[in-house]
Amino acid sequence: MSVTYNMQPAFAVDDASLLETDLTTCHLLVLVGQGTFSYVVFEPAGGKFLALKSYHFQPQKLAVADLEMIERVFDADKLLFTAFRSVLLAFDAAVSTLVPESQYSSQLKKDYLHMAYPEKLQEAVLADILPPPMSLVNVYAVDKDLLGFLRKEFSTDRMVHAHSALLQAYPYDFDFRAADGVAYIMAQRNRFTITIYAGGKLLNQQEQPYQTGLDIVYHLVNTLRILGLDEQKVKVKLGGPIAKDTDVYGELHKFMPHVEWVQRLSDFQYISKMQELPAHYFHHLYALALCV
């Protein structure tokens, strides 16, 4: 017996302004992660987000299985076939490393990556040159078949890593230059990214798996101490689809005295239905507008 999947978004937000807008003037910003496929429609003229959808499915060990689920998203969501002004593909891939731009050579990008991670079959190694004043290159790997499918369906060669977008978004936060340090945590299902600054200087960015909120606390405190920062003084800014009643928030709040949610980027406009969602839920998705 064949199984029919009714692929429905976990979050779907838009209003009449979407129908009233010429979408050929808009950008489609797509974020692909482990078991997730999300996008926003962004109107650059008004700096406004007009629509958001996020699909969640069980992450698979084999990338081909994730690709099959994304193919079902395309079957279900006809908005993806709109002739947008441009499409930006973003990958929330766990395999990534930062390289100083002064030491970077495009011919060696695989070598940089495989110093930290083993080489995988069917991987495509990409690199984002981050804008000044960061002087960094983010080197990362994505599944070659998934990349090929998305490039073909969207007819685009514009790609970026999700961490590259976050690194451009965090300097907009008021606490970015805190002398005692600030740790931004982007928590997703079973994994999280920590990005730590002190006085506006990037000290560390890493991604780790987790099972409980206590795992995040352990990794965070250990990293802060290695960097010589006092966890009782560092401000923690939490983002991602995490509710206040989860153990992630609870454990962080128990051990860290300064925990807040990250906020939407203030330079942009959001339709009223987006403003009804928790501000921290899609910070990494909205950040893609900085990469257009």
Protein backbone atom coordinates (compact mmCIF):
# COMPACT_ATOMS: atom_id res chain seq x y z
CA MET A 1 0.00 0.00 0.00
CA SER A 2 1.41 3.40 -0.93
CA VAL A 3 1.51 6.11 1.70
CA THR A 4 0.33 9.62 0.88
CA TYR A 5 1.96 12.45 2.79
CA ASN A 6 0.01 15.62 3.41
CA MET A 7 2.88 18.06 3.90
CA GLN A 8 1.64 20.96 6.00
CA PRO A 9 3.77 23.79 7.42
CA ALA A 10 4.31 23.96 11.17
CA PHE A 11 4.13 27.76 10.81
CA ALA A 12 2.42 29.68 8.02
CA VAL A 13 2.11 33.47 8.22
CA ASP A 14 0.97 35.99 5.60
CA ASP A 15 -1.76 38.52 4.97
CA ALA A 16 -3.46 40.42 2.13
CA SER A 17 -0.27 42.37 1.42
CA LEU A 18 1.22 39.27 -0.18
CA LEU A 19 -1.48 39.21 -2.85
CA GLU A 20 -1.22 42.97 -3.36
CA THR A 21 2.55 42.92 -3.96
CA ASP A 22 4.38 42.31 -7.21
CA LEU A 23 6.45 39.32 -6.08
CA THR A 24 8.86 39.74 -8.99
CA THR A 25 10.30 42.63 -6.95
CA CYS A 26 10.74 40.46 -3.85
CA HIS A 27 13.42 38.08 -2.63
CA LEU A 28 12.71 34.53 -1.49
CA LEU A 29 14.99 33.61 1.40
CA VAL A 30 15.15 29.85 1.95
CA LEU A 31 16.69 28.10 4.96
CA VAL A 32 17.32 24.36 4.87
CA GLY A 33 18.31 22.53 8.05
CA GLN A 34 18.21 19.05 9.54
CA GLY A 35 14.55 18.15 9.35
CA THR A 36 13.44 21.69 8.47
CA PHE A 37 12.65 23.72 5.37
CA SER A 38 11.68 27.36 5.95
CA TYR A 39 11.39 30.53 3.93
CA VAL A 40 10.38 34.17 4.08
CA VAL A 41 9.28 36.52 1.31
CA PHE A 42 11.15 39.80 1.64
CA GLU A 43 10.26 43.07 -0.10
CA PRO A 44 13.51 45.08 -0.28
CA ALA A 45 11.91 48.40 -1.27
CA GLY A 46 10.07 48.65 2.04
CA GLY A 47 12.43 46.40 3.99
CA LYS A 48 9.43 44.27 4.89
CA PHE A 49 8.80 40.57 5.41
CA LEU A 50 5.52 39.59 3.78
CA ALA A 51 5.21 35.86 4.37
CA LEU A 52 6.82 33.02 6.33
CA LYS A 53 6.46 29.26 6.19
CA SER A 54 8.34 26.60 8.11
CA TYR A 55 8.05 22.86 7.49
CA HIS A 56 9.31 20.34 10.04
CA PHE A 57 9.89 16.65 9.48
CA GLN A 58 11.83 13.93 11.21
CA PRO A 59 15.53 14.41 10.37
CA GLN A 60 17.04 11.42 8.62
CA LYS A 61 20.48 9.84 8.83
CA LEU A 62 20.65 9.68 5.05
CA ALA A 63 20.54 13.02 3.22
CA VAL A 64 18.56 11.42 0.39
CA ALA A 65 15.66 10.88 2.80
CA ASP A 66 15.68 14.57 3.76
CA LEU A 67 15.70 15.40 0.05
CA GLU A 68 12.60 13.26 -0.48
CA MET A 69 10.75 15.23 2.21
CA ILE A 70 11.80 18.55 0.66
CA GLU A 71 10.55 17.31 -2.71
CA ARG A 72 7.16 16.78 -1.03
CA VAL A 73 7.27 20.37 0.22
CA PHE A 74 7.64 21.51 -3.39
CA ASP A 75 4.67 19.35 -4.40
CA ALA A 76 2.55 20.96 -1.70
CA ASP A 77 3.66 24.62 -1.82
CA LYS A 78 3.08 26.34 -5.15
CA LEU A 79 4.37 29.70 -3.90
CA LEU A 80 7.87 28.28 -4.29
CA PHE A 81 7.44 28.38 -8.06
CA THR A 82 6.77 32.12 -8.17
CA ALA A 83 9.13 34.19 -10.32
CA PHE A 84 10.81 36.13 -7.52
CA ARG A 85 13.41 38.83 -8.10
CA SER A 86 15.99 36.46 -6.61
CA VAL A 87 16.25 33.35 -4.44
CA LEU A 88 18.84 32.95 -1.70
CA LEU A 89 19.54 29.43 -0.49
CA ALA A 90 20.81 29.15 3.08
CA PHE A 91 22.06 25.95 4.67
CA ASP A 92 22.03 25.34 8.40
CA ALA A 93 24.72 22.67 8.06
CA ALA A 94 26.63 21.36 11.07
CA VAL A 95 29.88 21.00 9.14
CA SER A 96 31.46 24.47 8.97
CA THR A 97 34.62 26.30 10.05
CA LEU A 98 35.78 29.91 10.13
CA VAL A 99 39.06 30.86 8.43
CA PRO A 100 40.80 34.27 8.63
CA GLU A 101 40.43 35.91 5.24
CA SER A 102 44.13 36.77 5.17
CA GLN A 103 44.94 33.04 5.36
CA TYR A 104 42.23 31.86 2.97
CA SER A 105 42.79 30.35 -0.47
CA SER A 106 39.85 29.06 -2.48
CA GLN A 107 41.98 26.17 -3.76
CA LEU A 108 42.42 24.96 -0.18
CA LYS A 109 38.85 25.25 1.11
CA LYS A 110 38.42 21.48 1.41
CA ASP A 111 41.65 21.28 3.38
CA TYR A 112 40.46 23.89 5.88
CA LEU A 113 37.21 22.02 6.42
CA HIS A 114 38.70 18.55 6.67
CA MET A 115 41.19 19.61 9.32
CA ALA A 116 38.17 19.71 11.63
CA TYR A 117 35.74 17.26 10.00
CA PRO A 118 36.11 13.99 8.10
CA GLU A 119 35.36 14.11 4.40
CA LYS A 120 31.98 12.71 3.40
CA LEU A 121 30.74 11.17 0.20
CA GLN A 122 28.51 13.37 -1.94
CA GLU A 123 29.54 16.60 -0.25
CA ALA A 124 29.90 19.99 -1.89
CA VAL A 125 32.27 22.38 -0.11
CA LEU A 126 31.25 26.05 -0.26
CA ALA A 127 32.59 29.27 1.25
CA ASP A 128 31.13 32.63 2.29
CA ILE A 129 33.44 35.65 2.39
CA LEU A 130 32.00 37.68 5.25
CA PRO A 131 31.78 41.46 4.84
CA PRO A 132 34.11 43.91 6.64
CA PRO A 133 35.11 44.35 9.37
CA MET A 134 34.95 40.62 10.13
CA SER A 135 37.70 39.54 7.70
CA LEU A 136 36.56 35.93 7.91
CA VAL A 137 35.58 33.17 5.49
CA ASN A 138 32.99 30.58 6.50
CA VAL A 139 33.78 27.24 4.85
CA TYR A 140 31.07 24.56 4.97
CA ALA A 141 29.80 21.38 3.35
CA VAL A 142 26.33 20.49 2.10
CA ASP A 143 24.94 17.41 0.44
CA LYS A 144 25.67 17.54 -3.28
CA ASP A 145 22.33 16.05 -4.36
CA LEU A 146 20.33 18.40 -2.14
CA LEU A 147 22.30 21.37 -3.43
CA GLY A 148 21.79 20.29 -7.03
CA PHE A 149 18.05 19.83 -6.56
CA LEU A 150 17.55 23.26 -4.97
CA ARG A 151 19.73 25.07 -7.49
CA LYS A 152 17.77 23.50 -10.33
CA GLU A 153 14.32 24.13 -8.84
CA PHE A 154 15.06 27.76 -7.97
CA SER A 155 17.45 28.52 -10.86
CA THR A 156 19.85 30.22 -8.49
CA ASP A 157 23.53 30.16 -7.62
CA ARG A 158 23.15 32.37 -4.56
CA MET A 159 24.04 30.42 -1.41
CA VAL A 160 25.04 31.18 2.15
CA HIS A 161 25.52 29.38 5.44
CA ALA A 162 23.06 30.18 8.26
CA HIS A 163 25.95 31.01 10.60
CA SER A 164 27.19 33.63 8.13
CA ALA A 165 23.82 35.37 8.39
CA LEU A 166 23.90 35.25 12.19
CA LEU A 167 27.38 36.77 12.27
CA GLN A 168 26.01 39.69 10.27
CA ALA A 169 22.90 40.00 12.45
CA TYR A 170 24.41 39.97 15.95
CA PRO A 171 26.22 43.34 15.62
CA TYR A 172 22.75 44.95 15.36
CA ASP A 173 22.05 43.89 18.95
CA PHE A 174 22.53 46.49 21.70
CA ASP A 175 24.58 44.06 23.84
CA PHE A 176 26.99 43.14 21.05
CA ARG A 177 29.77 45.30 22.51
CA ALA A 178 29.27 44.31 26.16
CA ALA A 179 32.69 44.37 27.85
CA ASP A 180 31.81 41.38 30.07
CA GLY A 181 30.77 39.37 27.03
CA VAL A 182 27.60 38.16 25.38
CA ALA A 183 26.77 34.63 24.28
CA TYR A 184 24.16 34.16 21.57
CA ILE A 185 22.57 30.73 21.51
CA MET A 186 20.55 29.55 18.52
CA ALA A 187 18.82 26.38 19.72
CA GLN A 188 17.20 23.99 17.29
CA ARG A 189 15.96 20.44 17.58
CA ASN A 190 18.80 18.39 19.11
CA ARG A 191 21.56 20.91 18.31
CA PHE A 192 22.56 24.45 19.11
CA THR A 193 25.03 27.12 17.99
CA ILE A 194 26.93 29.31 20.45
CA THR A 195 28.46 32.60 19.25
CA ILE A 196 30.44 34.55 21.86
CA TYR A 197 31.62 38.16 21.72
CA ALA A 198 33.41 40.44 24.19
CA GLY A 199 33.68 44.14 23.48
CA GLY A 200 32.36 43.53 19.96
CA LYS A 201 35.12 41.03 19.15
CA LEU A 202 34.17 37.53 18.00
CA LEU A 203 35.78 35.00 20.32
CA ASN A 204 34.09 31.73 19.42
CA GLN A 205 31.41 30.12 17.31
CA GLN A 206 30.63 26.43 17.57
CA GLU A 207 27.79 24.01 17.03
CA GLN A 208 27.06 21.09 19.35
CA PRO A 209 24.41 18.38 19.72
CA TYR A 210 22.28 18.31 22.85
CA GLN A 211 19.60 16.21 24.49
CA THR A 212 18.69 18.39 27.48
CA GLY A 213 19.03 22.01 28.48
CA LEU A 214 21.73 21.00 30.93
CA ASP A 215 23.91 19.92 27.98
CA ILE A 216 23.74 23.48 26.64
CA VAL A 217 24.60 24.92 30.05
CA TYR A 218 27.61 22.61 30.33
CA HIS A 219 28.99 23.51 26.90
CA LEU A 220 28.34 27.21 27.42
CA VAL A 221 29.96 27.44 30.87
CA ASN A 222 32.93 25.34 29.79
CA THR A 223 33.50 27.53 26.71
CA LEU A 224 33.17 30.77 28.67
CA ARG A 225 35.71 29.63 31.24
CA ILE A 226 38.17 28.57 28.53
CA LEU A 227 37.83 32.07 27.05
CA GLY A 228 38.41 33.67 30.44
CA LEU A 229 34.89 35.08 30.78
CA ASP A 230 32.80 35.04 33.96
CA GLU A 231 29.53 33.19 33.38
CA GLN A 232 27.95 35.22 36.20
CA LYS A 233 28.52 38.41 34.20
CA VAL A 234 28.08 37.30 30.60
CA LYS A 235 24.69 38.05 29.07
CA VAL A 236 23.02 35.12 27.31
CA LYS A 237 20.68 35.82 24.38
CA LEU A 238 18.57 32.82 23.36
CA GLY A 239 16.99 32.31 19.95
CA GLY A 240 15.29 29.58 17.96
CA PRO A 241 11.92 27.80 18.21
CA ILE A 242 12.24 27.39 21.98
CA ALA A 243 9.38 28.04 24.40
CA LYS A 244 9.80 29.53 27.87
CA ASP A 245 8.45 26.36 29.52
CA THR A 246 11.11 24.10 27.95
CA ASP A 247 14.06 22.79 29.91
CA VAL A 248 16.45 24.68 27.60
CA TYR A 249 15.23 28.02 28.90
CA GLY A 250 14.72 26.66 32.42
CA GLU A 251 18.24 25.26 32.84
CA LEU A 252 19.89 28.33 31.35
CA HIS A 253 17.88 30.59 33.64
CA LYS A 254 18.78 28.43 36.64
CA PHE A 255 22.54 28.64 36.14
CA MET A 256 23.03 31.91 34.23
CA PRO A 257 21.84 35.13 35.90
CA HIS A 258 21.46 37.17 32.69
CA VAL A 259 19.29 35.32 30.15
CA GLU A 260 17.15 37.10 27.57
CA TRP A 261 15.48 36.29 24.26
CA VAL A 262 16.97 37.68 21.07
CA GLN A 263 14.73 40.17 19.29
CA ARG A 264 13.73 40.73 15.70
CA LEU A 265 16.08 42.88 13.66
CA SER A 266 14.82 46.41 14.22
CA ASP A 267 15.83 47.70 10.78
CA PHE A 268 13.08 45.70 9.08
CA GLN A 269 9.29 45.68 9.04
CA TYR A 270 7.12 42.68 9.83
CA ILE A 271 3.47 42.06 9.08
CA SER A 272 1.27 42.02 12.17
CA LYS A 273 0.87 38.23 12.20
CA MET A 274 4.65 37.83 12.36
CA GLN A 275 4.74 40.17 15.33
CA GLU A 276 2.32 37.84 17.11
CA LEU A 277 4.92 35.06 16.98
CA PRO A 278 7.66 35.01 19.66
CA ALA A 279 10.36 37.40 18.43
CA HIS A 280 13.16 34.86 18.92
CA TYR A 281 11.62 32.02 16.90
CA PHE A 282 12.88 32.95 13.42
CA HIS A 283 15.81 35.25 14.12
CA HIS A 284 18.10 33.09 11.94
CA LEU A 285 15.60 33.20 9.07
CA TYR A 286 15.07 36.97 9.18
CA ALA A 287 18.86 37.42 9.33
CA LEU A 288 19.09 36.15 5.74
CA ALA A 289 17.81 39.55 4.56
CA LEU A 290 21.22 40.94 5.51
CA CYS A 291 22.82 38.64 2.92
CA VAL A 292 20.77 39.71 -0.09
